[in-house]
Amino acid sequence: MRNEMRTLLAAAAFAVAGMATAQAAEIAAMMGHVTKLNAGSSALVYYVAAPDGFHVVVTTQQGLTDRAAVERFETVLAAGQSAAVSIPRGAGETPARIVLSAGDHIHIAEPNLAVSAR
């Protein structure tokens, strides 16, 4: 399981290197979605549909190496519910905030990378 997570995080880091930032995404079950948080960090979001709701996992990576800090957030959302994940960024920057909403599938409102605290 640990090697699978490293492989998944490495794939996410490579995907972040070449992706453009979107402001929202809709994902299907078991299809990971990578959100770029800033130049050196990202969040991988995926979910599994179950009878009790959508089991959503958000894994953040701060840095692009295998020694980067990794955090994991899990929640179960029923249709009509939402959850927000706030990820700290550098000094003087507002935290990145990803909002997850459940309907027929999961909708992700991604952070605006241009926003910083003044």
PDB file of N, CA and C in Angstrom:
ATOM      1  N   MET A   1       0.822  -1.189   0.000  1.00  0.00           N
ATOM      2  CA  MET A   1       0.000   0.000   0.000  1.00  0.00           C
ATOM      3  C   MET A   1       0.866   1.253   0.000  1.00  0.00           C
ATOM      4  N   ARG A   2       1.943   1.263   0.770  1.00  0.00           N
ATOM      5  CA  ARG A   2       2.821   2.431   0.839  1.00  0.00           C
ATOM      6  C   ARG A   2       3.490   2.697  -0.507  1.00  0.00           C
ATOM      7  N   ASN A   3       3.937   1.635  -1.204  1.00  0.00           N
ATOM      8  CA  ASN A   3       4.537   1.810  -2.523  1.00  0.00           C
ATOM      9  C   ASN A   3       3.516   2.319  -3.529  1.00  0.00           C
ATOM     10  N   GLU A   4       2.256   1.840  -3.413  1.00  0.00           N
ATOM     11  CA  GLU A   4       1.207   2.321  -4.308  1.00  0.00           C
ATOM     12  C   GLU A   4       0.974   3.806  -4.104  1.00  0.00           C
ATOM     13  N   MET A   5       0.997   4.270  -2.851  1.00  0.00           N
ATOM     14  CA  MET A   5       0.796   5.688  -2.567  1.00  0.00           C
ATOM     15  C   MET A   5       1.943   6.512  -3.130  1.00  0.00           C
ATOM     16  N   ARG A   6       3.168   6.033  -2.986  1.00  0.00           N
ATOM     17  CA  ARG A   6       4.313   6.761  -3.545  1.00  0.00           C
ATOM     18  C   ARG A   6       4.200   6.853  -5.063  1.00  0.00           C
ATOM     19  N   THR A   7       3.786   5.757  -5.686  1.00  0.00           N
ATOM     20  CA  THR A   7       3.618   5.749  -7.140  1.00  0.00           C
ATOM     21  C   THR A   7       2.537   6.746  -7.545  1.00  0.00           C
ATOM     22  N   LEU A   8       1.428   6.764  -6.800  1.00  0.00           N
ATOM     23  CA  LEU A   8       0.335   7.676  -7.098  1.00  0.00           C
ATOM     24  C   LEU A   8       0.774   9.120  -6.912  1.00  0.00           C
ATOM     25  N   LEU A   9       1.509   9.408  -5.853  1.00  0.00           N
ATOM     26  CA  LEU A   9       1.994  10.768  -5.610  1.00  0.00           C
ATOM     27  C   LEU A   9       3.010  11.191  -6.658  1.00  0.00           C
ATOM     28  N   ALA A  10       3.871  10.278  -7.071  1.00  0.00           N
ATOM     29  CA  ALA A  10       4.834  10.602  -8.120  1.00  0.00           C
ATOM     30  C   ALA A  10       4.117  10.921  -9.425  1.00  0.00           C
ATOM     31  N   ALA A  11       3.106  10.133  -9.747  1.00  0.00           N
ATOM     32  CA  ALA A  11       2.320  10.389 -10.955  1.00  0.00           C
ATOM     33  C   ALA A  11       1.633  11.735 -10.863  1.00  0.00           C
ATOM     34  N   ALA A  12       1.126  12.062  -9.684  1.00  0.00           N
ATOM     35  CA  ALA A  12       0.472  13.356  -9.498  1.00  0.00           C
ATOM     36  C   ALA A  12       1.457  14.500  -9.669  1.00  0.00           C
ATOM     37  N   ALA A  13       2.671  14.342  -9.143  1.00  0.00           N
ATOM     38  CA  ALA A  13       3.683  15.386  -9.290  1.00  0.00           C
ATOM     39  C   ALA A  13       4.034  15.611 -10.756  1.00  0.00           C
ATOM     40  N   PHE A  14       4.165  14.548 -11.521  1.00  0.00           N
ATOM     41  CA  PHE A  14       4.445  14.687 -12.944  1.00  0.00           C
ATOM     42  C   PHE A  14       3.268  15.344 -13.657  1.00  0.00           C
ATOM     43  N   ALA A  15       2.069  14.997 -13.282  1.00  0.00           N
ATOM     44  CA  ALA A  15       0.884  15.587 -13.911  1.00  0.00           C
ATOM     45  C   ALA A  15       0.809  17.075 -13.622  1.00  0.00           C
ATOM     46  N   VAL A  16       1.161  17.483 -12.396  1.00  0.00           N
ATOM     47  CA  VAL A  16       1.124  18.888 -12.026  1.00  0.00           C
ATOM     48  C   VAL A  16       2.124  19.685 -12.851  1.00  0.00           C
ATOM     49  N   ALA A  17       3.260  19.118 -13.138  1.00  0.00           N
ATOM     50  CA  ALA A  17       4.297  19.834 -13.874  1.00  0.00           C
ATOM     51  C   ALA A  17       3.810  20.294 -15.244  1.00  0.00           C
ATOM     52  N   GLY A  18       2.913  19.556 -15.869  1.00  0.00           N
ATOM     53  CA  GLY A  18       2.478  19.912 -17.199  1.00  0.00           C
ATOM     54  C   GLY A  18       1.030  20.340 -17.319  1.00  0.00           C
ATOM     55  N   MET A  19       0.341  20.578 -16.218  1.00  0.00           N
ATOM     56  CA  MET A  19      -1.078  20.882 -16.317  1.00  0.00           C
ATOM     57  C   MET A  19      -1.369  22.367 -16.188  1.00  0.00           C
ATOM     58  N   ALA A  20      -2.445  22.806 -16.810  1.00  0.00           N
ATOM     59  CA  ALA A  20      -2.927  24.169 -16.648  1.00  0.00           C
ATOM     60  C   ALA A  20      -3.906  24.172 -15.484  1.00  0.00           C
ATOM     61  N   THR A  21      -4.008  25.301 -14.805  1.00  0.00           N
ATOM     62  CA  THR A  21      -4.882  25.364 -13.648  1.00  0.00           C
ATOM     63  C   THR A  21      -6.324  25.591 -14.069  1.00  0.00           C
ATOM     64  N   ALA A  22      -7.195  24.752 -13.613  1.00  0.00           N
ATOM     65  CA  ALA A  22      -8.631  24.915 -13.844  1.00  0.00           C
ATOM     66  C   ALA A  22      -9.242  25.456 -12.566  1.00  0.00           C
ATOM     67  N   GLN A  23     -10.433  26.021 -12.642  1.00  0.00           N
ATOM     68  CA  GLN A  23     -11.089  26.553 -11.461  1.00  0.00           C
ATOM     69  C   GLN A  23     -12.103  25.580 -10.875  1.00  0.00           C
ATOM     70  N   ALA A  24     -12.516  24.575 -11.635  1.00  0.00           N
ATOM     71  CA  ALA A  24     -13.470  23.594 -11.144  1.00  0.00           C
ATOM     72  C   ALA A  24     -13.318  22.309 -11.926  1.00  0.00           C
ATOM     73  N   ALA A  25     -13.709  21.211 -11.323  1.00  0.00           N
ATOM     74  CA  ALA A  25     -13.614  19.919 -11.998  1.00  0.00           C
ATOM     75  C   ALA A  25     -14.702  19.006 -11.473  1.00  0.00           C
ATOM     76  N   GLU A  26     -15.165  18.136 -12.328  1.00  0.00           N
ATOM     77  CA  GLU A  26     -16.096  17.080 -11.936  1.00  0.00           C
ATOM     78  C   GLU A  26     -15.350  15.787 -12.196  1.00  0.00           C
ATOM     79  N   ILE A  27     -15.326  14.900 -11.222  1.00  0.00           N
ATOM     80  CA  ILE A  27     -14.593  13.652 -11.410  1.00  0.00           C
ATOM     81  C   ILE A  27     -15.512  12.459 -11.198  1.00  0.00           C
ATOM     82  N   ALA A  28     -15.167  11.375 -11.853  1.00  0.00           N
ATOM     83  CA  ALA A  28     -15.893  10.118 -11.695  1.00  0.00           C
ATOM     84  C   ALA A  28     -15.215   9.298 -10.600  1.00  0.00           C
ATOM     85  N   ALA A  29     -15.933   8.319 -10.066  1.00  0.00           N
ATOM     86  CA  ALA A  29     -15.386   7.460  -9.014  1.00  0.00           C
ATOM     87  C   ALA A  29     -14.073   6.826  -9.464  1.00  0.00           C
ATOM     88  N   MET A  30     -13.120   6.781  -8.555  1.00  0.00           N
ATOM     89  CA  MET A  30     -11.804   6.165  -8.739  1.00  0.00           C
ATOM     90  C   MET A  30     -10.961   6.830  -9.826  1.00  0.00           C
ATOM     91  N   MET A  31     -11.348   8.018 -10.273  1.00  0.00           N
ATOM     92  CA  MET A  31     -10.554   8.771 -11.232  1.00  0.00           C
ATOM     93  C   MET A  31      -9.910   9.917 -10.472  1.00  0.00           C
ATOM     94  N   GLY A  32      -8.617   9.861 -10.277  1.00  0.00           N
ATOM     95  CA  GLY A  32      -7.929  10.899  -9.532  1.00  0.00           C
ATOM     96  C   GLY A  32      -7.887  12.208 -10.292  1.00  0.00           C
ATOM     97  N   HIS A  33      -7.901  13.312  -9.559  1.00  0.00           N
ATOM     98  CA  HIS A  33      -7.799  14.650 -10.131  1.00  0.00           C
ATOM     99  C   HIS A  33      -6.728  15.405  -9.363  1.00  0.00           C
ATOM    100  N   VAL A  34      -5.772  15.983 -10.078  1.00  0.00           N
ATOM    101  CA  VAL A  34      -4.684  16.726  -9.449  1.00  0.00           C
ATOM    102  C   VAL A  34      -4.974  18.214  -9.545  1.00  0.00           C
ATOM    103  N   THR A  35      -4.834  18.904  -8.412  1.00  0.00           N
ATOM    104  CA  THR A  35      -4.997  20.348  -8.340  1.00  0.00           C
ATOM    105  C   THR A  35      -3.668  20.950  -7.934  1.00  0.00           C
ATOM    106  N   LYS A  36      -3.170  21.900  -8.708  1.00  0.00           N
ATOM    107  CA  LYS A  36      -1.927  22.590  -8.374  1.00  0.00           C
ATOM    108  C   LYS A  36      -2.236  23.649  -7.328  1.00  0.00           C
ATOM    109  N   LEU A  37      -1.528  23.620  -6.199  1.00  0.00           N
ATOM    110  CA  LEU A  37      -1.748  24.574  -5.121  1.00  0.00           C
ATOM    111  C   LEU A  37      -0.812  25.770  -5.232  1.00  0.00           C
ATOM    112  N   ASN A  38       0.427  25.515  -5.622  1.00  0.00           N
ATOM    113  CA  ASN A  38       1.409  26.557  -5.936  1.00  0.00           C
ATOM    114  C   ASN A  38       2.531  25.880  -6.714  1.00  0.00           C
ATOM    115  N   ALA A  39       3.649  26.570  -6.901  1.00  0.00           N
ATOM    116  CA  ALA A  39       4.716  26.038  -7.751  1.00  0.00           C
ATOM    117  C   ALA A  39       5.251  24.691  -7.278  1.00  0.00           C
ATOM    118  N   GLY A  40       5.240  24.422  -5.988  1.00  0.00           N
ATOM    119  CA  GLY A  40       5.835  23.188  -5.499  1.00  0.00           C
ATOM    120  C   GLY A  40       4.901  22.270  -4.737  1.00  0.00           C
ATOM    121  N   SER A  41       3.597  22.496  -4.817  1.00  0.00           N
ATOM    122  CA  SER A  41       2.692  21.621  -4.082  1.00  0.00           C
ATOM    123  C   SER A  41       1.416  21.363  -4.874  1.00  0.00           C
ATOM    124  N   SER A  42       0.792  20.231  -4.547  1.00  0.00           N
ATOM    125  CA  SER A  42      -0.411  19.819  -5.262  1.00  0.00           C
ATOM    126  C   SER A  42      -1.314  19.019  -4.330  1.00  0.00           C
ATOM    127  N   ALA A  43      -2.536  18.800  -4.796  1.00  0.00           N
ATOM    128  CA  ALA A  43      -3.492  17.961  -4.069  1.00  0.00           C
ATOM    129  C   ALA A  43      -4.074  16.964  -5.054  1.00  0.00           C
ATOM    130  N   LEU A  44      -4.147  15.718  -4.646  1.00  0.00           N
ATOM    131  CA  LEU A  44      -4.752  14.653  -5.435  1.00  0.00           C
ATOM    132  C   LEU A  44      -6.084  14.313  -4.773  1.00  0.00           C
ATOM    133  N   VAL A  45      -7.181  14.356  -5.556  1.00  0.00           N
ATOM    134  CA  VAL A  45      -8.521  14.075  -5.038  1.00  0.00           C
ATOM    135  C   VAL A  45      -9.090  12.886  -5.789  1.00  0.00           C
ATOM    136  N   TYR A  46      -9.636  11.926  -5.038  1.00  0.00           N
ATOM    137  CA  TYR A  46     -10.369  10.820  -5.654  1.00  0.00           C
ATOM    138  C   TYR A  46     -11.442  10.360  -4.674  1.00  0.00           C
ATOM    139  N   TYR A  47     -12.404   9.577  -5.170  1.00  0.00           N
ATOM    140  CA  TYR A  47     -13.434   9.059  -4.285  1.00  0.00           C
ATOM    141  C   TYR A  47     -13.899   7.690  -4.737  1.00  0.00           C
ATOM    142  N   VAL A  48     -14.542   6.998  -3.808  1.00  0.00           N
ATOM    143  CA  VAL A  48     -15.164   5.704  -4.054  1.00  0.00           C
ATOM    144  C   VAL A  48     -16.634   5.850  -3.667  1.00  0.00           C
ATOM    145  N   ALA A  49     -17.523   5.477  -4.567  1.00  0.00           N
ATOM    146  CA  ALA A  49     -18.954   5.512  -4.265  1.00  0.00           C
ATOM    147  C   ALA A  49     -19.314   4.265  -3.466  1.00  0.00           C
ATOM    148  N   ALA A  50     -20.053   4.454  -2.386  1.00  0.00           N
ATOM    149  CA  ALA A  50     -20.481   3.348  -1.519  1.00  0.00           C
ATOM    150  C   ALA A  50     -21.930   3.595  -1.112  1.00  0.00           C
ATOM    151  N   PRO A  51     -22.596   2.594  -0.550  1.00  0.00           N
ATOM    152  CA  PRO A  51     -23.995   2.773  -0.144  1.00  0.00           C
ATOM    153  C   PRO A  51     -24.208   3.921   0.851  1.00  0.00           C
ATOM    154  N   ASP A  52     -23.214   4.204   1.692  1.00  0.00           N
ATOM    155  CA  ASP A  52     -23.365   5.269   2.688  1.00  0.00           C
ATOM    156  C   ASP A  52     -22.907   6.634   2.186  1.00  0.00           C
ATOM    157  N   GLY A  53     -22.470   6.749   0.935  1.00  0.00           N
ATOM    158  CA  GLY A  53     -22.057   8.037   0.375  1.00  0.00           C
ATOM    159  C   GLY A  53     -20.764   7.922  -0.406  1.00  0.00           C
ATOM    160  N   PHE A  54     -20.208   9.075  -0.711  1.00  0.00           N
ATOM    161  CA  PHE A  54     -18.950   9.148  -1.449  1.00  0.00           C
ATOM    162  C   PHE A  54     -17.796   9.223  -0.442  1.00  0.00           C
ATOM    163  N   HIS A  55     -16.904   8.256  -0.485  1.00  0.00           N
ATOM    164  CA  HIS A  55     -15.722   8.253   0.380  1.00  0.00           C
ATOM    165  C   HIS A  55     -14.628   9.011  -0.373  1.00  0.00           C
ATOM    166  N   VAL A  56     -14.397  10.266   0.061  1.00  0.00           N
ATOM    167  CA  VAL A  56     -13.498  11.170  -0.642  1.00  0.00           C
ATOM    168  C   VAL A  56     -12.158  11.227   0.083  1.00  0.00           C
ATOM    169  N   VAL A  57     -11.069  11.209  -0.698  1.00  0.00           N
ATOM    170  CA  VAL A  57      -9.720  11.309  -0.150  1.00  0.00           C
ATOM    171  C   VAL A  57      -9.001  12.457  -0.853  1.00  0.00           C
ATOM    172  N   VAL A  58      -8.406  13.347  -0.057  1.00  0.00           N
ATOM    173  CA  VAL A  58      -7.583  14.435  -0.577  1.00  0.00           C
ATOM    174  C   VAL A  58      -6.191  14.236   0.014  1.00  0.00           C
ATOM    175  N   THR A  59      -5.207  14.084  -0.850  1.00  0.00           N
ATOM    176  CA  THR A  59      -3.828  13.920  -0.415  1.00  0.00           C
ATOM    177  C   THR A  59      -3.028  15.097  -0.955  1.00  0.00           C
ATOM    178  N   THR A  60      -2.399  15.860  -0.055  1.00  0.00           N
ATOM    179  CA  THR A  60      -1.596  16.997  -0.495  1.00  0.00           C
ATOM    180  C   THR A  60      -0.125  16.648  -0.413  1.00  0.00           C
ATOM    181  N   GLN A  61       0.639  17.259  -1.298  1.00  0.00           N
ATOM    182  CA  GLN A  61       2.089  17.070  -1.315  1.00  0.00           C
ATOM    183  C   GLN A  61       2.732  18.441  -1.382  1.00  0.00           C
ATOM    184  N   GLN A  62       3.584  18.729  -0.410  1.00  0.00           N
ATOM    185  CA  GLN A  62       4.316  19.992  -0.353  1.00  0.00           C
ATOM    186  C   GLN A  62       5.740  19.727  -0.818  1.00  0.00           C
ATOM    187  N   GLY A  63       6.052  20.007  -2.060  1.00  0.00           N
ATOM    188  CA  GLY A  63       7.363  19.749  -2.640  1.00  0.00           C
ATOM    189  C   GLY A  63       7.265  18.668  -3.695  1.00  0.00           C
ATOM    190  N   LEU A  64       8.291  18.556  -4.521  1.00  0.00           N
ATOM    191  CA  LEU A  64       8.236  17.638  -5.650  1.00  0.00           C
ATOM    192  C   LEU A  64       9.155  16.428  -5.518  1.00  0.00           C
ATOM    193  N   THR A  65       9.620  16.114  -4.331  1.00  0.00           N
ATOM    194  CA  THR A  65      10.504  14.960  -4.162  1.00  0.00           C
ATOM    195  C   THR A  65       9.813  13.881  -3.334  1.00  0.00           C
ATOM    196  N   ASP A  66      10.437  12.704  -3.273  1.00  0.00           N
ATOM    197  CA  ASP A  66       9.858  11.620  -2.473  1.00  0.00           C
ATOM    198  C   ASP A  66       9.975  11.893  -0.972  1.00  0.00           C
ATOM    199  N   ARG A  67      10.678  12.958  -0.589  1.00  0.00           N
ATOM    200  CA  ARG A  67      10.785  13.337   0.823  1.00  0.00           C
ATOM    201  C   ARG A  67       9.843  14.485   1.179  1.00  0.00           C
ATOM    202  N   ALA A  68       8.977  14.854   0.276  1.00  0.00           N
ATOM    203  CA  ALA A  68       8.058  15.965   0.501  1.00  0.00           C
ATOM    204  C   ALA A  68       7.043  15.622   1.582  1.00  0.00           C
ATOM    205  N   ALA A  69       6.593  16.655   2.284  1.00  0.00           N
ATOM    206  CA  ALA A  69       5.566  16.472   3.308  1.00  0.00           C
ATOM    207  C   ALA A  69       4.243  16.107   2.632  1.00  0.00           C
ATOM    208  N   VAL A  70       3.591  15.081   3.168  1.00  0.00           N
ATOM    209  CA  VAL A  70       2.326  14.612   2.600  1.00  0.00           C
ATOM    210  C   VAL A  70       1.273  14.594   3.711  1.00  0.00           C
ATOM    211  N   GLU A  71       0.108  15.164   3.420  1.00  0.00           N
ATOM    212  CA  GLU A  71      -1.019  15.124   4.341  1.00  0.00           C
ATOM    213  C   GLU A  71      -2.189  14.464   3.631  1.00  0.00           C
ATOM    214  N   ARG A  72      -3.057  13.815   4.412  1.00  0.00           N
ATOM    215  CA  ARG A  72      -4.200  13.105   3.839  1.00  0.00           C
ATOM    216  C   ARG A  72      -5.453  13.464   4.624  1.00  0.00           C
ATOM    217  N   PHE A  73      -6.532  13.786   3.905  1.00  0.00           N
ATOM    218  CA  PHE A  73      -7.821  14.127   4.483  1.00  0.00           C
ATOM    219  C   PHE A  73      -8.847  13.176   3.889  1.00  0.00           C
ATOM    220  N   GLU A  74      -9.690  12.590   4.737  1.00  0.00           N
ATOM    221  CA  GLU A  74     -10.750  11.692   4.269  1.00  0.00           C
ATOM    222  C   GLU A  74     -12.073  12.125   4.866  1.00  0.00           C
ATOM    223  N   THR A  75     -13.144  11.994   4.064  1.00  0.00           N
ATOM    224  CA  THR A  75     -14.485  12.278   4.551  1.00  0.00           C
ATOM    225  C   THR A  75     -15.491  11.466   3.746  1.00  0.00           C
ATOM    226  N   VAL A  76     -16.685  11.342   4.278  1.00  0.00           N
ATOM    227  CA  VAL A  76     -17.788  10.688   3.572  1.00  0.00           C
ATOM    228  C   VAL A  76     -18.853  11.748   3.350  1.00  0.00           C
ATOM    229  N   LEU A  77     -19.241  11.953   2.082  1.00  0.00           N
ATOM    230  CA  LEU A  77     -20.257  12.947   1.736  1.00  0.00           C
ATOM    231  C   LEU A  77     -21.464  12.266   1.115  1.00  0.00           C
ATOM    232  N   ALA A  78     -22.652  12.643   1.569  1.00  0.00           N
ATOM    233  CA  ALA A  78     -23.895  12.198   0.939  1.00  0.00           C
ATOM    234  C   ALA A  78     -24.272  13.243  -0.109  1.00  0.00           C
ATOM    235  N   ALA A  79     -25.130  12.878  -1.045  1.00  0.00           N
ATOM    236  CA  ALA A  79     -25.593  13.824  -2.058  1.00  0.00           C
ATOM    237  C   ALA A  79     -26.139  15.073  -1.372  1.00  0.00           C
ATOM    238  N   GLY A  80     -25.727  16.236  -1.864  1.00  0.00           N
ATOM    239  CA  GLY A  80     -26.161  17.504  -1.292  1.00  0.00           C
ATOM    240  C   GLY A  80     -25.228  18.070  -0.231  1.00  0.00           C
ATOM    241  N   GLN A  81     -24.260  17.292   0.227  1.00  0.00           N
ATOM    242  CA  GLN A  81     -23.324  17.775   1.235  1.00  0.00           C
ATOM    243  C   GLN A  81     -22.061  18.301   0.577  1.00  0.00           C
ATOM    244  N   SER A  82     -21.302  19.107   1.336  1.00  0.00           N
ATOM    245  CA  SER A  82     -20.016  19.597   0.858  1.00  0.00           C
ATOM    246  C   SER A  82     -19.037  19.662   2.017  1.00  0.00           C
ATOM    247  N   ALA A  83     -17.760  19.756   1.681  1.00  0.00           N
ATOM    248  CA  ALA A  83     -16.694  19.876   2.674  1.00  0.00           C
ATOM    249  C   ALA A  83     -15.597  20.743   2.077  1.00  0.00           C
ATOM    250  N   ALA A  84     -14.917  21.497   2.919  1.00  0.00           N
ATOM    251  CA  ALA A  84     -13.804  22.330   2.468  1.00  0.00           C
ATOM    252  C   ALA A  84     -12.520  21.834   3.112  1.00  0.00           C
ATOM    253  N   VAL A  85     -11.442  21.844   2.325  1.00  0.00           N
ATOM    254  CA  VAL A  85     -10.119  21.485   2.819  1.00  0.00           C
ATOM    255  C   VAL A  85      -9.242  22.712   2.631  1.00  0.00           C
ATOM    256  N   SER A  86      -8.633  23.199   3.708  1.00  0.00           N
ATOM    257  CA  SER A  86      -7.770  24.372   3.668  1.00  0.00           C
ATOM    258  C   SER A  86      -6.326  23.904   3.805  1.00  0.00           C
ATOM    259  N   ILE A  87      -5.487  24.303   2.847  1.00  0.00           N
ATOM    260  CA  ILE A  87      -4.097  23.870   2.822  1.00  0.00           C
ATOM    261  C   ILE A  87      -3.207  25.094   2.985  1.00  0.00           C
ATOM    262  N   PRO A  88      -2.354  25.120   4.028  1.00  0.00           N
ATOM    263  CA  PRO A  88      -1.493  26.288   4.223  1.00  0.00           C
ATOM    264  C   PRO A  88      -0.495  26.442   3.082  1.00  0.00           C
ATOM    265  N   ARG A  89      -0.140  27.698   2.798  1.00  0.00           N
ATOM    266  CA  ARG A  89       0.882  27.998   1.796  1.00  0.00           C
ATOM    267  C   ARG A  89       1.965  28.824   2.467  1.00  0.00           C
ATOM    268  N   GLY A  90       2.794  29.467   1.677  1.00  0.00           N
ATOM    269  CA  GLY A  90       3.923  30.222   2.210  1.00  0.00           C
ATOM    270  C   GLY A  90       3.512  31.448   3.005  1.00  0.00           C
ATOM    271  N   ALA A  91       4.500  32.037   3.683  1.00  0.00           N
ATOM    272  CA  ALA A  91       4.273  33.248   4.465  1.00  0.00           C
ATOM    273  C   ALA A  91       3.714  34.339   3.568  1.00  0.00           C
ATOM    274  N   GLY A  92       2.677  35.018   4.038  1.00  0.00           N
ATOM    275  CA  GLY A  92       2.068  36.098   3.281  1.00  0.00           C
ATOM    276  C   GLY A  92       1.053  35.648   2.250  1.00  0.00           C
ATOM    277  N   GLU A  93       0.839  34.354   2.122  1.00  0.00           N
ATOM    278  CA  GLU A  93      -0.131  33.827   1.162  1.00  0.00           C
ATOM    279  C   GLU A  93      -1.341  33.268   1.909  1.00  0.00           C
ATOM    280  N   THR A  94      -2.509  33.465   1.333  1.00  0.00           N
ATOM    281  CA  THR A  94      -3.700  32.887   1.930  1.00  0.00           C
ATOM    282  C   THR A  94      -3.670  31.375   1.709  1.00  0.00           C
ATOM    283  N   PRO A  95      -4.270  30.605   2.592  1.00  0.00           N
ATOM    284  CA  PRO A  95      -4.302  29.153   2.385  1.00  0.00           C
ATOM    285  C   PRO A  95      -5.071  28.801   1.114  1.00  0.00           C
ATOM    286  N   ALA A  96      -4.666  27.731   0.460  1.00  0.00           N
ATOM    287  CA  ALA A  96      -5.427  27.203  -0.669  1.00  0.00           C
ATOM    288  C   ALA A  96      -6.653  26.520  -0.090  1.00  0.00           C
ATOM    289  N   ARG A  97      -7.790  26.642  -0.757  1.00  0.00           N
ATOM    290  CA  ARG A  97      -9.024  26.045  -0.245  1.00  0.00           C
ATOM    291  C   ARG A  97      -9.687  25.280  -1.372  1.00  0.00           C
ATOM    292  N   ILE A  98      -9.896  24.000  -1.154  1.00  0.00           N
ATOM    293  CA  ILE A  98     -10.580  23.141  -2.112  1.00  0.00           C
ATOM    294  C   ILE A  98     -11.936  22.801  -1.512  1.00  0.00           C
ATOM    295  N   VAL A  99     -13.013  23.045  -2.268  1.00  0.00           N
ATOM    296  CA  VAL A  99     -14.358  22.740  -1.789  1.00  0.00           C
ATOM    297  C   VAL A  99     -14.889  21.552  -2.582  1.00  0.00           C
ATOM    298  N   LEU A 100     -15.304  20.518  -1.872  1.00  0.00           N
ATOM    299  CA  LEU A 100     -15.832  19.290  -2.459  1.00  0.00           C
ATOM    300  C   LEU A 100     -17.341  19.269  -2.268  1.00  0.00           C
ATOM    301  N   SER A 101     -18.093  19.046  -3.334  1.00  0.00           N
ATOM    302  CA  SER A 101     -19.549  18.986  -3.257  1.00  0.00           C
ATOM    303  C   SER A 101     -20.031  17.681  -3.870  1.00  0.00           C
ATOM    304  N   ALA A 102     -21.003  17.046  -3.223  1.00  0.00           N
ATOM    305  CA  ALA A 102     -21.523  15.763  -3.702  1.00  0.00           C
ATOM    306  C   ALA A 102     -22.883  15.966  -4.352  1.00  0.00           C
ATOM    307  N   GLY A 103     -23.059  15.307  -5.477  1.00  0.00           N
ATOM    308  CA  GLY A 103     -24.336  15.262  -6.193  1.00  0.00           C
ATOM    309  C   GLY A 103     -24.435  13.859  -6.765  1.00  0.00           C
ATOM    310  N   ASP A 104     -24.466  13.757  -8.093  1.00  0.00           N
ATOM    311  CA  ASP A 104     -24.384  12.445  -8.746  1.00  0.00           C
ATOM    312  C   ASP A 104     -22.954  11.923  -8.706  1.00  0.00           C
ATOM    313  N   HIS A 105     -22.007  12.837  -8.565  1.00  0.00           N
ATOM    314  CA  HIS A 105     -20.588  12.538  -8.425  1.00  0.00           C
ATOM    315  C   HIS A 105     -19.974  13.698  -7.636  1.00  0.00           C
ATOM    316  N   ILE A 106     -18.669  13.770  -7.562  1.00  0.00           N
ATOM    317  CA  ILE A 106     -18.017  14.817  -6.777  1.00  0.00           C
ATOM    318  C   ILE A 106     -17.601  15.968  -7.684  1.00  0.00           C
ATOM    319  N   HIS A 107     -17.899  17.189  -7.240  1.00  0.00           N
ATOM    320  CA  HIS A 107     -17.498  18.420  -7.916  1.00  0.00           C
ATOM    321  C   HIS A 107     -16.420  19.058  -7.047  1.00  0.00           C
ATOM    322  N   ILE A 108     -15.338  19.520  -7.667  1.00  0.00           N
ATOM    323  CA  ILE A 108     -14.229  20.138  -6.948  1.00  0.00           C
ATOM    324  C   ILE A 108     -14.121  21.592  -7.371  1.00  0.00           C
ATOM    325  N   ALA A 109     -14.250  22.524  -6.434  1.00  0.00           N
ATOM    326  CA  ALA A 109     -13.964  23.943  -6.677  1.00  0.00           C
ATOM    327  C   ALA A 109     -12.528  24.146  -6.226  1.00  0.00           C
ATOM    328  N   GLU A 110     -11.668  24.466  -7.182  1.00  0.00           N
ATOM    329  CA  GLU A 110     -10.234  24.558  -6.921  1.00  0.00           C
ATOM    330  C   GLU A 110      -9.829  25.964  -6.494  1.00  0.00           C
ATOM    331  N   PRO A 111      -8.646  26.071  -5.848  1.00  0.00           N
ATOM    332  CA  PRO A 111      -8.174  27.391  -5.393  1.00  0.00           C
ATOM    333  C   PRO A 111      -7.775  28.258  -6.580  1.00  0.00           C
ATOM    334  N   ASN A 112      -7.895  29.565  -6.375  1.00  0.00           N
ATOM    335  CA  ASN A 112      -7.400  30.523  -7.354  1.00  0.00           C
ATOM    336  C   ASN A 112      -5.960  30.799  -6.987  1.00  0.00           C
ATOM    337  N   LEU A 113      -5.010  30.422  -7.836  1.00  0.00           N
ATOM    338  CA  LEU A 113      -3.599  30.541  -7.527  1.00  0.00           C
ATOM    339  C   LEU A 113      -3.110  31.971  -7.525  1.00  0.00           C
ATOM    340  N   ALA A 114      -3.846  32.894  -8.101  1.00  0.00           N
ATOM    341  CA  ALA A 114      -3.402  34.282  -8.190  1.00  0.00           C
ATOM    342  C   ALA A 114      -3.682  35.062  -6.898  1.00  0.00           C
ATOM    343  N   VAL A 115      -4.467  34.517  -5.985  1.00  0.00           N
ATOM    344  CA  VAL A 115      -4.856  35.235  -4.774  1.00  0.00           C
ATOM    345  C   VAL A 115      -3.777  35.090  -3.708  1.00  0.00           C
ATOM    346  N   SER A 116      -3.362  36.213  -3.110  1.00  0.00           N
ATOM    347  CA  SER A 116      -2.440  36.170  -1.979  1.00  0.00           C
ATOM    348  C   SER A 116      -2.848  37.219  -0.974  1.00  0.00           C
ATOM    349  N   ALA A 117      -2.475  37.034   0.272  1.00  0.00           N
ATOM    350  CA  ALA A 117      -2.821  37.985   1.336  1.00  0.00           C
ATOM    351  C   ALA A 117      -1.965  39.233   1.176  1.00  0.00           C
ATOM    352  N   ARG A 118      -2.508  40.375   1.542  1.00  0.00           N
ATOM    353  CA  ARG A 118      -1.768  41.645   1.449  1.00  0.00           C
ATOM    354  C   ARG A 118      -1.639  42.245   2.827  1.00  0.00           C
TER     355      ARG A 118
END
